[in-house]
């Protein structure tokens, strides 16, 4: 897919746009055609980035787990039969 990163020369907005064929992209914020195409850097997966992603996922899971436990406890306290 021809997705490009742009910066608007008029308002400074940074955005991505799908550009097909001879289509001329416009700024999503102000509608200007005065755009500067940016260099898109592909994502790279290495052992260090994988490790960082796993650490972030574990932190997120712990946080969500404690939130779920708290919500369950609140539910049980408010629905005492």
Protein backbone atom coordinates (compact mmCIF):
# COMPACT_ATOMS: atom_id res chain seq x y z
CA UNK A 1 0.00 0.00 0.00
CA UNK A 2 1.39 3.42 -0.90
CA UNK A 3 1.09 5.08 2.51
CA UNK A 4 3.30 8.12 3.00
CA UNK A 5 4.07 10.44 5.90
CA UNK A 6 3.62 14.16 5.28
CA UNK A 7 4.12 17.50 7.04
CA UNK A 8 1.94 20.40 5.94
CA UNK A 9 3.90 23.49 4.98
CA UNK A 10 1.05 25.80 6.01
CA UNK A 11 -0.14 24.52 9.40
CA UNK A 12 2.64 22.07 10.39
CA UNK A 13 0.26 19.09 10.77
CA UNK A 14 1.97 15.69 10.57
CA UNK A 15 -0.11 12.86 9.10
CA UNK A 16 -0.13 9.73 6.98
CA UNK A 17 -1.99 9.50 3.69
CA UNK A 18 -2.78 6.74 1.23
CA UNK A 19 -1.76 8.03 -2.20
CA UNK A 20 -2.82 6.13 -5.31
CA UNK A 21 -1.61 6.82 -8.84
CA UNK A 22 -1.46 10.51 -9.73
CA UNK A 23 -3.66 11.51 -6.78
CA UNK A 24 -2.47 14.71 -5.04
CA UNK A 25 -2.70 14.47 -1.24
CA UNK A 26 -4.03 17.36 0.84
CA UNK A 27 -3.56 18.25 4.49
CA UNK A 28 -6.11 16.54 6.72
CA UNK A 29 -6.33 19.64 8.95
CA UNK A 30 -6.30 22.69 6.65
CA UNK A 31 -6.73 21.23 3.13
CA UNK A 32 -3.46 22.65 1.81
CA UNK A 33 -1.56 20.91 -1.00
CA UNK A 34 1.75 22.39 0.21
CA UNK A 35 3.08 19.15 1.73
CA UNK A 36 6.52 17.78 2.39
CA UNK A 37 6.87 13.99 2.07
CA UNK A 38 8.77 12.48 4.98
CA UNK A 39 11.02 9.45 5.05
CA UNK A 40 9.11 6.47 6.42
CA UNK A 41 11.18 4.14 8.54
CA UNK A 42 10.11 0.50 8.56
CA UNK A 43 9.64 -1.18 11.90
CA UNK A 44 12.41 -3.55 12.89
CA UNK A 45 11.98 -6.47 15.23
CA UNK A 46 15.10 -7.47 17.12
CA UNK A 47 15.67 -9.45 20.29
CA UNK A 48 15.95 -6.22 22.31
CA UNK A 49 12.76 -4.68 20.88
CA UNK A 50 10.98 -8.01 21.41
CA UNK A 51 12.14 -8.04 25.03
CA UNK A 52 10.92 -4.48 25.58
CA UNK A 53 7.57 -5.30 24.00
CA UNK A 54 7.20 -8.36 26.24
CA UNK A 55 8.01 -6.31 29.36
CA UNK A 56 5.41 -3.71 28.37
CA UNK A 57 2.83 -6.43 27.71
CA UNK A 58 3.47 -8.03 31.10
CA UNK A 59 3.09 -4.66 32.87
CA UNK A 60 -0.14 -4.04 30.99
CA UNK A 61 -1.46 -7.52 31.86
CA UNK A 62 -0.62 -7.09 35.55
CA UNK A 63 -2.36 -3.71 35.61
CA UNK A 64 -5.44 -5.05 33.84
CA UNK A 65 -5.49 -8.09 36.12
CA UNK A 66 -5.49 -5.99 39.27
CA UNK A 67 -8.20 -3.73 37.80
CA UNK A 68 -10.34 -6.79 37.02
CA UNK A 69 -9.83 -8.19 40.52
CA UNK A 70 -10.83 -4.84 42.02
CA UNK A 71 -13.93 -4.62 39.79
CA UNK A 72 -14.90 -8.19 40.70
CA UNK A 73 -14.49 -7.44 44.40
CA UNK A 74 -16.60 -4.28 44.09
CA UNK A 75 -19.27 -6.27 42.27
CA UNK A 76 -19.30 -8.97 44.93
CA UNK A 77 -19.58 -6.41 47.75
CA UNK A 78 -22.43 -4.55 46.09
CA UNK A 79 -24.35 -7.73 45.17
CA UNK A 80 -24.30 -9.53 48.48
CA UNK A 81 -27.19 -12.01 48.52
